[in-house]
Amino acid sequence: MDDRILSEIQNVIDSRKGGNPDESYVAGLLAKGGDKILKKVIEEAGEVLMASKDGGGEHLVYETADLWFHCMVLLAHHGLRAEDVIRELARRQGLSGLAEKAARTRG
């Protein structure tokens, strides 16, 4: 597996900022702003849930890819990248999920 794919996709998303909304789906989403992007993330999350209820498999993978993509657009909207999420996941690796959650509620 090529672990650069998220970075490459994020580069394309970032390159669409300020682009022509009539020529790029991502440029259109970014131009419409946060509320539109959030609605797409919620829509895609719902489709992931339904794909899981329907038995998962390839359809679940397809819908999860859509969700991740739209989350990456949301990150770009906030000046963040997929690599920021990957760094956070790496930071959490090896930590107890219960301990990590407890630390968040205390801090």
PDB file of N, CA and C in Angstrom:
ATOM      1  N   MET A   1       0.846  -1.188   0.000  1.00  0.00           N
ATOM      2  CA  MET A   1       0.000   0.000   0.000  1.00  0.00           C
ATOM      3  C   MET A   1       0.883   1.240   0.000  1.00  0.00           C
ATOM      4  N   ASP A   2       0.478   2.230  -0.727  1.00  0.00           N
ATOM      5  CA  ASP A   2       1.211   3.489  -0.820  1.00  0.00           C
ATOM      6  C   ASP A   2       0.685   4.424   0.257  1.00  0.00           C
ATOM      7  N   ASP A   3       1.504   4.664   1.277  1.00  0.00           N
ATOM      8  CA  ASP A   3       1.052   5.495   2.379  1.00  0.00           C
ATOM      9  C   ASP A   3       1.086   6.984   2.059  1.00  0.00           C
ATOM     10  N   ARG A   4       1.476   7.333   0.851  1.00  0.00           N
ATOM     11  CA  ARG A   4       1.479   8.741   0.430  1.00  0.00           C
ATOM     12  C   ARG A   4       0.148   9.183  -0.151  1.00  0.00           C
ATOM     13  N   ILE A   5      -0.778   8.267  -0.328  1.00  0.00           N
ATOM     14  CA  ILE A   5      -2.017   8.599  -1.043  1.00  0.00           C
ATOM     15  C   ILE A   5      -2.811   9.698  -0.348  1.00  0.00           C
ATOM     16  N   LEU A   6      -2.884   9.660   0.988  1.00  0.00           N
ATOM     17  CA  LEU A   6      -3.634  10.711   1.686  1.00  0.00           C
ATOM     18  C   LEU A   6      -2.979  12.073   1.471  1.00  0.00           C
ATOM     19  N   SER A   7      -1.665  12.111   1.510  1.00  0.00           N
ATOM     20  CA  SER A   7      -0.950  13.361   1.276  1.00  0.00           C
ATOM     21  C   SER A   7      -1.174  13.868  -0.149  1.00  0.00           C
ATOM     22  N   GLU A   8      -1.155  12.950  -1.113  1.00  0.00           N
ATOM     23  CA  GLU A   8      -1.382  13.339  -2.510  1.00  0.00           C
ATOM     24  C   GLU A   8      -2.800  13.863  -2.714  1.00  0.00           C
ATOM     25  N   ILE A   9      -3.770  13.204  -2.111  1.00  0.00           N
ATOM     26  CA  ILE A   9      -5.157  13.677  -2.214  1.00  0.00           C
ATOM     27  C   ILE A   9      -5.283  15.037  -1.538  1.00  0.00           C
ATOM     28  N   GLN A  10      -4.654  15.186  -0.368  1.00  0.00           N
ATOM     29  CA  GLN A  10      -4.720  16.471   0.340  1.00  0.00           C
ATOM     30  C   GLN A  10      -4.086  17.577  -0.495  1.00  0.00           C
ATOM     31  N   ASN A  11      -3.005  17.267  -1.216  1.00  0.00           N
ATOM     32  CA  ASN A  11      -2.383  18.262  -2.097  1.00  0.00           C
ATOM     33  C   ASN A  11      -3.353  18.718  -3.178  1.00  0.00           C
ATOM     34  N   VAL A  12      -4.084  17.782  -3.756  1.00  0.00           N
ATOM     35  CA  VAL A  12      -5.062  18.138  -4.786  1.00  0.00           C
ATOM     36  C   VAL A  12      -6.159  19.009  -4.182  1.00  0.00           C
ATOM     37  N   ILE A  13      -6.659  18.619  -3.013  1.00  0.00           N
ATOM     38  CA  ILE A  13      -7.696  19.410  -2.346  1.00  0.00           C
ATOM     39  C   ILE A  13      -7.188  20.829  -2.089  1.00  0.00           C
ATOM     40  N   ASP A  14      -5.978  20.926  -1.546  1.00  0.00           N
ATOM     41  CA  ASP A  14      -5.404  22.249  -1.261  1.00  0.00           C
ATOM     42  C   ASP A  14      -5.238  23.073  -2.535  1.00  0.00           C
ATOM     43  N   SER A  15      -4.909  22.422  -3.635  1.00  0.00           N
ATOM     44  CA  SER A  15      -4.720  23.145  -4.895  1.00  0.00           C
ATOM     45  C   SER A  15      -6.033  23.704  -5.442  1.00  0.00           C
ATOM     46  N   ARG A  16      -7.155  23.192  -4.973  1.00  0.00           N
ATOM     47  CA  ARG A  16      -8.462  23.648  -5.447  1.00  0.00           C
ATOM     48  C   ARG A  16      -8.965  24.885  -4.692  1.00  0.00           C
ATOM     49  N   LYS A  17      -8.300  25.237  -3.596  1.00  0.00           N
ATOM     50  CA  LYS A  17      -8.713  26.430  -2.837  1.00  0.00           C
ATOM     51  C   LYS A  17      -8.648  27.649  -3.742  1.00  0.00           C
ATOM     52  N   GLY A  18      -9.732  28.394  -3.791  1.00  0.00           N
ATOM     53  CA  GLY A  18      -9.790  29.585  -4.628  1.00  0.00           C
ATOM     54  C   GLY A  18      -9.985  29.289  -6.106  1.00  0.00           C
ATOM     55  N   GLY A  19     -10.162  28.018  -6.430  1.00  0.00           N
ATOM     56  CA  GLY A  19     -10.371  27.635  -7.824  1.00  0.00           C
ATOM     57  C   GLY A  19     -11.780  27.946  -8.295  1.00  0.00           C
ATOM     58  N   ASN A  20     -12.012  27.691  -9.549  1.00  0.00           N
ATOM     59  CA  ASN A  20     -13.304  27.958 -10.170  1.00  0.00           C
ATOM     60  C   ASN A  20     -14.308  26.884  -9.734  1.00  0.00           C
ATOM     61  N   PRO A  21     -15.355  27.291  -9.006  1.00  0.00           N
ATOM     62  CA  PRO A  21     -16.364  26.326  -8.556  1.00  0.00           C
ATOM     63  C   PRO A  21     -17.104  25.628  -9.690  1.00  0.00           C
ATOM     64  N   ASP A  22     -17.106  26.223 -10.878  1.00  0.00           N
ATOM     65  CA  ASP A  22     -17.761  25.598 -12.021  1.00  0.00           C
ATOM     66  C   ASP A  22     -16.903  24.502 -12.648  1.00  0.00           C
ATOM     67  N   GLU A  23     -15.622  24.460 -12.280  1.00  0.00           N
ATOM     68  CA  GLU A  23     -14.699  23.493 -12.864  1.00  0.00           C
ATOM     69  C   GLU A  23     -14.240  22.427 -11.884  1.00  0.00           C
ATOM     70  N   SER A  24     -14.543  22.622 -10.584  1.00  0.00           N
ATOM     71  CA  SER A  24     -14.047  21.684  -9.584  1.00  0.00           C
ATOM     72  C   SER A  24     -15.065  21.509  -8.466  1.00  0.00           C
ATOM     73  N   TYR A  25     -15.398  20.254  -8.202  1.00  0.00           N
ATOM     74  CA  TYR A  25     -16.309  19.932  -7.098  1.00  0.00           C
ATOM     75  C   TYR A  25     -15.755  20.453  -5.778  1.00  0.00           C
ATOM     76  N   VAL A  26     -14.464  20.218  -5.539  1.00  0.00           N
ATOM     77  CA  VAL A  26     -13.839  20.642  -4.283  1.00  0.00           C
ATOM     78  C   VAL A  26     -13.825  22.165  -4.187  1.00  0.00           C
ATOM     79  N   ALA A  27     -13.480  22.845  -5.263  1.00  0.00           N
ATOM     80  CA  ALA A  27     -13.487  24.310  -5.254  1.00  0.00           C
ATOM     81  C   ALA A  27     -14.881  24.825  -4.919  1.00  0.00           C
ATOM     82  N   GLY A  28     -15.903  24.171  -5.466  1.00  0.00           N
ATOM     83  CA  GLY A  28     -17.277  24.562  -5.172  1.00  0.00           C
ATOM     84  C   GLY A  28     -17.634  24.369  -3.714  1.00  0.00           C
ATOM     85  N   LEU A  29     -17.241  23.221  -3.152  1.00  0.00           N
ATOM     86  CA  LEU A  29     -17.510  22.970  -1.732  1.00  0.00           C
ATOM     87  C   LEU A  29     -16.811  24.001  -0.858  1.00  0.00           C
ATOM     88  N   LEU A  30     -15.527  24.228  -1.138  1.00  0.00           N
ATOM     89  CA  LEU A  30     -14.765  25.190  -0.336  1.00  0.00           C
ATOM     90  C   LEU A  30     -15.334  26.598  -0.469  1.00  0.00           C
ATOM     91  N   ALA A  31     -15.802  26.947  -1.663  1.00  0.00           N
ATOM     92  CA  ALA A  31     -16.379  28.280  -1.880  1.00  0.00           C
ATOM     93  C   ALA A  31     -17.684  28.462  -1.101  1.00  0.00           C
ATOM     94  N   LYS A  32     -18.434  27.372  -0.933  1.00  0.00           N
ATOM     95  CA  LYS A  32     -19.704  27.453  -0.206  1.00  0.00           C
ATOM     96  C   LYS A  32     -19.504  27.537   1.298  1.00  0.00           C
ATOM     97  N   GLY A  33     -18.328  27.169   1.765  1.00  0.00           N
ATOM     98  CA  GLY A  33     -17.990  27.368   3.174  1.00  0.00           C
ATOM     99  C   GLY A  33     -18.275  26.196   4.085  1.00  0.00           C
ATOM    100  N   GLY A  34     -18.006  26.446   5.351  1.00  0.00           N
ATOM    101  CA  GLY A  34     -18.050  25.414   6.369  1.00  0.00           C
ATOM    102  C   GLY A  34     -19.370  24.701   6.521  1.00  0.00           C
ATOM    103  N   ASP A  35     -20.475  25.423   6.496  1.00  0.00           N
ATOM    104  CA  ASP A  35     -21.766  24.768   6.699  1.00  0.00           C
ATOM    105  C   ASP A  35     -22.061  23.739   5.614  1.00  0.00           C
ATOM    106  N   LYS A  36     -21.745  24.062   4.366  1.00  0.00           N
ATOM    107  CA  LYS A  36     -21.970  23.123   3.266  1.00  0.00           C
ATOM    108  C   LYS A  36     -21.073  21.903   3.413  1.00  0.00           C
ATOM    109  N   ILE A  37     -19.819  22.142   3.786  1.00  0.00           N
ATOM    110  CA  ILE A  37     -18.887  21.033   3.970  1.00  0.00           C
ATOM    111  C   ILE A  37     -19.352  20.147   5.117  1.00  0.00           C
ATOM    112  N   LEU A  38     -19.784  20.748   6.212  1.00  0.00           N
ATOM    113  CA  LEU A  38     -20.280  19.969   7.354  1.00  0.00           C
ATOM    114  C   LEU A  38     -21.489  19.128   6.962  1.00  0.00           C
ATOM    115  N   LYS A  39     -22.382  19.685   6.168  1.00  0.00           N
ATOM    116  CA  LYS A  39     -23.545  18.919   5.707  1.00  0.00           C
ATOM    117  C   LYS A  39     -23.117  17.712   4.890  1.00  0.00           C
ATOM    118  N   LYS A  40     -22.080  17.866   4.061  1.00  0.00           N
ATOM    119  CA  LYS A  40     -21.591  16.733   3.273  1.00  0.00           C
ATOM    120  C   LYS A  40     -20.971  15.671   4.179  1.00  0.00           C
ATOM    121  N   VAL A  41     -20.216  16.101   5.199  1.00  0.00           N
ATOM    122  CA  VAL A  41     -19.611  15.136   6.120  1.00  0.00           C
ATOM    123  C   VAL A  41     -20.710  14.356   6.842  1.00  0.00           C
ATOM    124  N   ILE A  42     -21.736  15.059   7.297  1.00  0.00           N
ATOM    125  CA  ILE A  42     -22.847  14.386   7.980  1.00  0.00           C
ATOM    126  C   ILE A  42     -23.559  13.425   7.030  1.00  0.00           C
ATOM    127  N   GLU A  43     -23.801  13.865   5.803  1.00  0.00           N
ATOM    128  CA  GLU A  43     -24.449  13.004   4.803  1.00  0.00           C
ATOM    129  C   GLU A  43     -23.626  11.741   4.568  1.00  0.00           C
ATOM    130  N   GLU A  44     -22.328  11.913   4.378  1.00  0.00           N
ATOM    131  CA  GLU A  44     -21.463  10.764   4.111  1.00  0.00           C
ATOM    132  C   GLU A  44     -21.373   9.842   5.325  1.00  0.00           C
ATOM    133  N   ALA A  45     -21.361  10.403   6.531  1.00  0.00           N
ATOM    134  CA  ALA A  45     -21.333   9.575   7.740  1.00  0.00           C
ATOM    135  C   ALA A  45     -22.596   8.722   7.822  1.00  0.00           C
ATOM    136  N   GLY A  46     -23.724   9.304   7.470  1.00  0.00           N
ATOM    137  CA  GLY A  46     -24.974   8.548   7.442  1.00  0.00           C
ATOM    138  C   GLY A  46     -24.925   7.409   6.437  1.00  0.00           C
ATOM    139  N   GLU A  47     -24.299   7.654   5.289  1.00  0.00           N
ATOM    140  CA  GLU A  47     -24.186   6.609   4.272  1.00  0.00           C
ATOM    141  C   GLU A  47     -23.264   5.483   4.739  1.00  0.00           C
ATOM    142  N   VAL A  48     -22.236   5.829   5.513  1.00  0.00           N
ATOM    143  CA  VAL A  48     -21.366   4.797   6.098  1.00  0.00           C
ATOM    144  C   VAL A  48     -22.177   3.926   7.053  1.00  0.00           C
ATOM    145  N   LEU A  49     -22.985   4.556   7.876  1.00  0.00           N
ATOM    146  CA  LEU A  49     -23.800   3.798   8.823  1.00  0.00           C
ATOM    147  C   LEU A  49     -24.768   2.869   8.110  1.00  0.00           C
ATOM    148  N   MET A  50     -25.404   3.374   7.068  1.00  0.00           N
ATOM    149  CA  MET A  50     -26.356   2.543   6.333  1.00  0.00           C
ATOM    150  C   MET A  50     -25.644   1.384   5.613  1.00  0.00           C
ATOM    151  N   ALA A  51     -24.463   1.649   5.069  1.00  0.00           N
ATOM    152  CA  ALA A  51     -23.707   0.583   4.403  1.00  0.00           C
ATOM    153  C   ALA A  51     -23.323  -0.501   5.405  1.00  0.00           C
ATOM    154  N   SER A  52     -22.996  -0.092   6.613  1.00  0.00           N
ATOM    155  CA  SER A  52     -22.664  -1.066   7.658  1.00  0.00           C
ATOM    156  C   SER A  52     -23.885  -1.895   8.032  1.00  0.00           C
ATOM    157  N   LYS A  53     -25.019  -1.233   8.191  1.00  0.00           N
ATOM    158  CA  LYS A  53     -26.256  -1.943   8.528  1.00  0.00           C
ATOM    159  C   LYS A  53     -26.643  -2.935   7.435  1.00  0.00           C
ATOM    160  N   ASP A  54     -26.341  -2.564   6.189  1.00  0.00           N
ATOM    161  CA  ASP A  54     -26.707  -3.411   5.052  1.00  0.00           C
ATOM    162  C   ASP A  54     -25.738  -4.576   4.849  1.00  0.00           C
ATOM    163  N   GLY A  55     -24.764  -4.708   5.708  1.00  0.00           N
ATOM    164  CA  GLY A  55     -23.868  -5.862   5.623  1.00  0.00           C
ATOM    165  C   GLY A  55     -22.420  -5.545   5.351  1.00  0.00           C
ATOM    166  N   GLY A  56     -22.098  -4.263   5.172  1.00  0.00           N
ATOM    167  CA  GLY A  56     -20.693  -3.899   5.024  1.00  0.00           C
ATOM    168  C   GLY A  56     -20.126  -4.254   3.674  1.00  0.00           C
ATOM    169  N   GLY A  57     -18.942  -4.832   3.689  1.00  0.00           N
ATOM    170  CA  GLY A  57     -18.279  -5.234   2.455  1.00  0.00           C
ATOM    171  C   GLY A  57     -17.798  -4.063   1.623  1.00  0.00           C
ATOM    172  N   GLU A  58     -17.791  -4.275   0.311  1.00  0.00           N
ATOM    173  CA  GLU A  58     -17.277  -3.267  -0.614  1.00  0.00           C
ATOM    174  C   GLU A  58     -18.037  -1.950  -0.529  1.00  0.00           C
ATOM    175  N   HIS A  59     -19.343  -2.025  -0.306  1.00  0.00           N
ATOM    176  CA  HIS A  59     -20.130  -0.798  -0.205  1.00  0.00           C
ATOM    177  C   HIS A  59     -19.688   0.033   0.995  1.00  0.00           C
ATOM    178  N   LEU A  60     -19.379  -0.609   2.097  1.00  0.00           N
ATOM    179  CA  LEU A  60     -18.896   0.093   3.286  1.00  0.00           C
ATOM    180  C   LEU A  60     -17.552   0.759   3.003  1.00  0.00           C
ATOM    181  N   VAL A  61     -16.677   0.070   2.295  1.00  0.00           N
ATOM    182  CA  VAL A  61     -15.379   0.657   1.941  1.00  0.00           C
ATOM    183  C   VAL A  61     -15.576   1.879   1.049  1.00  0.00           C
ATOM    184  N   TYR A  62     -16.454   1.765   0.063  1.00  0.00           N
ATOM    185  CA  TYR A  62     -16.748   2.878  -0.850  1.00  0.00           C
ATOM    186  C   TYR A  62     -17.260   4.096  -0.087  1.00  0.00           C
ATOM    187  N   GLU A  63     -18.219   3.872   0.791  1.00  0.00           N
ATOM    188  CA  GLU A  63     -18.807   4.990   1.538  1.00  0.00           C
ATOM    189  C   GLU A  63     -17.817   5.578   2.540  1.00  0.00           C
ATOM    190  N   THR A  64     -16.976   4.736   3.118  1.00  0.00           N
ATOM    191  CA  THR A  64     -15.960   5.243   4.038  1.00  0.00           C
ATOM    192  C   THR A  64     -14.951   6.106   3.291  1.00  0.00           C
ATOM    193  N   ALA A  65     -14.602   5.722   2.078  1.00  0.00           N
ATOM    194  CA  ALA A  65     -13.711   6.555   1.260  1.00  0.00           C
ATOM    195  C   ALA A  65     -14.329   7.924   1.015  1.00  0.00           C
ATOM    196  N   ASP A  66     -15.630   7.962   0.719  1.00  0.00           N
ATOM    197  CA  ASP A  66     -16.323   9.242   0.543  1.00  0.00           C
ATOM    198  C   ASP A  66     -16.263  10.076   1.819  1.00  0.00           C
ATOM    199  N   LEU A  67     -16.486   9.431   2.951  1.00  0.00           N
ATOM    200  CA  LEU A  67     -16.452  10.144   4.235  1.00  0.00           C
ATOM    201  C   LEU A  67     -15.059  10.707   4.496  1.00  0.00           C
ATOM    202  N   TRP A  68     -14.038   9.879   4.328  1.00  0.00           N
ATOM    203  CA  TRP A  68     -12.673  10.357   4.560  1.00  0.00           C
ATOM    204  C   TRP A  68     -12.346  11.536   3.638  1.00  0.00           C
ATOM    205  N   PHE A  69     -12.746  11.425   2.371  1.00  0.00           N
ATOM    206  CA  PHE A  69     -12.473  12.509   1.422  1.00  0.00           C
ATOM    207  C   PHE A  69     -13.113  13.814   1.894  1.00  0.00           C
ATOM    208  N   HIS A  70     -14.369  13.747   2.295  1.00  0.00           N
ATOM    209  CA  HIS A  70     -15.051  14.968   2.720  1.00  0.00           C
ATOM    210  C   HIS A  70     -14.490  15.497   4.041  1.00  0.00           C
ATOM    211  N   CYS A  71     -14.013  14.604   4.887  1.00  0.00           N
ATOM    212  CA  CYS A  71     -13.321  15.053   6.107  1.00  0.00           C
ATOM    213  C   CYS A  71     -12.026  15.777   5.741  1.00  0.00           C
ATOM    214  N   MET A  72     -11.358  15.320   4.691  1.00  0.00           N
ATOM    215  CA  MET A  72     -10.142  15.987   4.237  1.00  0.00           C
ATOM    216  C   MET A  72     -10.447  17.373   3.670  1.00  0.00           C
ATOM    217  N   VAL A  73     -11.581  17.512   2.999  1.00  0.00           N
ATOM    218  CA  VAL A  73     -12.004  18.835   2.530  1.00  0.00           C
ATOM    219  C   VAL A  73     -12.275  19.736   3.738  1.00  0.00           C
ATOM    220  N   LEU A  74     -12.926  19.192   4.763  1.00  0.00           N
ATOM    221  CA  LEU A  74     -13.182  19.952   5.988  1.00  0.00           C
ATOM    222  C   LEU A  74     -11.872  20.379   6.647  1.00  0.00           C
ATOM    223  N   LEU A  75     -10.906  19.481   6.713  1.00  0.00           N
ATOM    224  CA  LEU A  75      -9.599  19.840   7.260  1.00  0.00           C
ATOM    225  C   LEU A  75      -8.989  20.995   6.470  1.00  0.00           C
ATOM    226  N   ALA A  76      -9.028  20.911   5.148  1.00  0.00           N
ATOM    227  CA  ALA A  76      -8.471  21.965   4.298  1.00  0.00           C
ATOM    228  C   ALA A  76      -9.164  23.297   4.553  1.00  0.00           C
ATOM    229  N   HIS A  77     -10.461  23.251   4.759  1.00  0.00           N
ATOM    230  CA  HIS A  77     -11.223  24.462   5.058  1.00  0.00           C
ATOM    231  C   HIS A  77     -10.673  25.154   6.307  1.00  0.00           C
ATOM    232  N   HIS A  78     -10.170  24.366   7.237  1.00  0.00           N
ATOM    233  CA  HIS A  78      -9.631  24.898   8.493  1.00  0.00           C
ATOM    234  C   HIS A  78      -8.108  25.061   8.461  1.00  0.00           C
ATOM    235  N   GLY A  79      -7.506  24.914   7.282  1.00  0.00           N
ATOM    236  CA  GLY A  79      -6.065  25.075   7.153  1.00  0.00           C
ATOM    237  C   GLY A  79      -5.275  23.896   7.723  1.00  0.00           C
ATOM    238  N   LEU A  80      -5.926  22.754   7.813  1.00  0.00           N
ATOM    239  CA  LEU A  80      -5.295  21.546   8.335  1.00  0.00           C
ATOM    240  C   LEU A  80      -5.163  20.517   7.223  1.00  0.00           C
ATOM    241  N   ARG A  81      -4.430  19.445   7.513  1.00  0.00           N
ATOM    242  CA  ARG A  81      -4.192  18.403   6.521  1.00  0.00           C
ATOM    243  C   ARG A  81      -4.377  17.034   7.148  1.00  0.00           C
ATOM    244  N   ALA A  82      -4.510  16.032   6.306  1.00  0.00           N
ATOM    245  CA  ALA A  82      -4.629  14.653   6.775  1.00  0.00           C
ATOM    246  C   ALA A  82      -3.428  14.271   7.631  1.00  0.00           C
ATOM    247  N   GLU A  83      -2.261  14.801   7.315  1.00  0.00           N
ATOM    248  CA  GLU A  83      -1.064  14.498   8.083  1.00  0.00           C
ATOM    249  C   GLU A  83      -1.199  14.923   9.546  1.00  0.00           C
ATOM    250  N   ASP A  84      -1.977  15.967   9.802  1.00  0.00           N
ATOM    251  CA  ASP A  84      -2.214  16.391  11.186  1.00  0.00           C
ATOM    252  C   ASP A  84      -2.978  15.312  11.945  1.00  0.00           C
ATOM    253  N   VAL A  85      -3.934  14.692  11.285  1.00  0.00           N
ATOM    254  CA  VAL A  85      -4.702  13.604  11.901  1.00  0.00           C
ATOM    255  C   VAL A  85      -3.809  12.377  12.090  1.00  0.00           C
ATOM    256  N   ILE A  86      -2.986  12.094  11.100  1.00  0.00           N
ATOM    257  CA  ILE A  86      -2.076  10.948  11.198  1.00  0.00           C
ATOM    258  C   ILE A  86      -1.113  11.134  12.367  1.00  0.00           C
ATOM    259  N   ARG A  87      -0.586  12.352  12.539  1.00  0.00           N
ATOM    260  CA  ARG A  87       0.298  12.623  13.687  1.00  0.00           C
ATOM    261  C   ARG A  87      -0.427  12.404  15.004  1.00  0.00           C
ATOM    262  N   GLU A  88      -1.687  12.820  15.077  1.00  0.00           N
ATOM    263  CA  GLU A  88      -2.460  12.617  16.309  1.00  0.00           C
ATOM    264  C   GLU A  88      -2.698  11.139  16.562  1.00  0.00           C
ATOM    265  N   LEU A  89      -3.001  10.390  15.514  1.00  0.00           N
ATOM    266  CA  LEU A  89      -3.176   8.943  15.678  1.00  0.00           C
ATOM    267  C   LEU A  89      -1.870   8.294  16.132  1.00  0.00           C
ATOM    268  N   ALA A  90      -0.751   8.735  15.571  1.00  0.00           N
ATOM    269  CA  ALA A  90       0.551   8.197  15.977  1.00  0.00           C
ATOM    270  C   ALA A  90       0.835   8.523  17.438  1.00  0.00           C
ATOM    271  N   ARG A  91       0.455   9.723  17.867  1.00  0.00           N
ATOM    272  CA  ARG A  91       0.661  10.106  19.263  1.00  0.00           C
ATOM    273  C   ARG A  91      -0.124   9.186  20.194  1.00  0.00           C
ATOM    274  N   ARG A  92      -1.312   8.807  19.770  1.00  0.00           N
ATOM    275  CA  ARG A  92      -2.173   7.966  20.598  1.00  0.00           C
ATOM    276  C   ARG A  92      -1.785   6.488  20.566  1.00  0.00           C
ATOM    277  N   GLN A  93      -1.004   6.084  19.569  1.00  0.00           N
ATOM    278  CA  GLN A  93      -0.661   4.677  19.430  1.00  0.00           C
ATOM    279  C   GLN A  93       0.063   4.193  20.682  1.00  0.00           C
ATOM    280  N   GLY A  94      -0.397   3.082  21.188  1.00  0.00           N
ATOM    281  CA  GLY A  94       0.205   2.501  22.381  1.00  0.00           C
ATOM    282  C   GLY A  94      -0.400   3.001  23.678  1.00  0.00           C
ATOM    283  N   LEU A  95      -1.262   4.009  23.580  1.00  0.00           N
ATOM    284  CA  LEU A  95      -1.952   4.503  24.771  1.00  0.00           C
ATOM    285  C   LEU A  95      -3.234   3.708  24.969  1.00  0.00           C
ATOM    286  N   SER A  96      -3.568   3.484  26.191  1.00  0.00           N
ATOM    287  CA  SER A  96      -4.861   2.880  26.487  1.00  0.00           C
ATOM    288  C   SER A  96      -5.944   3.859  26.063  1.00  0.00           C
ATOM    289  N   GLY A  97      -6.940   3.367  25.367  1.00  0.00           N
ATOM    290  CA  GLY A  97      -8.052   4.236  24.973  1.00  0.00           C
ATOM    291  C   GLY A  97      -8.753   4.839  26.168  1.00  0.00           C
ATOM    292  N   LEU A  98      -8.881   4.065  27.223  1.00  0.00           N
ATOM    293  CA  LEU A  98      -9.527   4.570  28.441  1.00  0.00           C
ATOM    294  C   LEU A  98      -8.680   5.648  29.101  1.00  0.00           C
ATOM    295  N   ALA A  99      -7.353   5.447  29.143  1.00  0.00           N
ATOM    296  CA  ALA A  99      -6.463   6.449  29.742  1.00  0.00           C
ATOM    297  C   ALA A  99      -6.458   7.727  28.907  1.00  0.00           C
ATOM    298  N   GLU A 100      -6.431   7.574  27.591  1.00  0.00           N
ATOM    299  CA  GLU A 100      -6.426   8.750  26.716  1.00  0.00           C
ATOM    300  C   GLU A 100      -7.705   9.549  26.882  1.00  0.00           C
ATOM    301  N   LYS A 101      -8.830   8.873  26.951  1.00  0.00           N
ATOM    302  CA  LYS A 101     -10.113   9.554  27.133  1.00  0.00           C
ATOM    303  C   LYS A 101     -10.160  10.250  28.487  1.00  0.00           C
ATOM    304  N   ALA A 102      -9.674   9.599  29.535  1.00  0.00           N
ATOM    305  CA  ALA A 102      -9.656  10.209  30.865  1.00  0.00           C
ATOM    306  C   ALA A 102      -8.786  11.451  30.879  1.00  0.00           C
ATOM    307  N   ALA A 103      -7.663  11.430  30.174  1.00  0.00           N
ATOM    308  CA  ALA A 103      -6.767  12.593  30.112  1.00  0.00           C
ATOM    309  C   ALA A 103      -7.437  13.760  29.419  1.00  0.00           C
ATOM    310  N   ARG A 104      -8.258  13.477  28.398  1.00  0.00           N
ATOM    311  CA  ARG A 104      -8.982  14.547  27.694  1.00  0.00           C
ATOM    312  C   ARG A 104     -10.013  15.201  28.594  1.00  0.00           C
ATOM    313  N   THR A 105     -10.694  14.421  29.408  1.00  0.00           N
ATOM    314  CA  THR A 105     -11.743  14.986  30.254  1.00  0.00           C
ATOM    315  C   THR A 105     -11.155  15.773  31.416  1.00  0.00           C
ATOM    316  N   ARG A 106      -9.933  15.425  31.846  1.00  0.00           N
ATOM    317  CA  ARG A 106      -9.276  16.184  32.909  1.00  0.00           C
ATOM    318  C   ARG A 106      -8.654  17.462  32.379  1.00  0.00           C
ATOM    319  N   GLY A 107      -8.159  17.411  31.141  1.00  0.00           N
ATOM    320  CA  GLY A 107      -7.424  18.550  30.587  1.00  0.00           C
ATOM    321  C   GLY A 107      -8.340  19.465  29.904  1.00  0.00           C
TER     322      GLY A 107
END
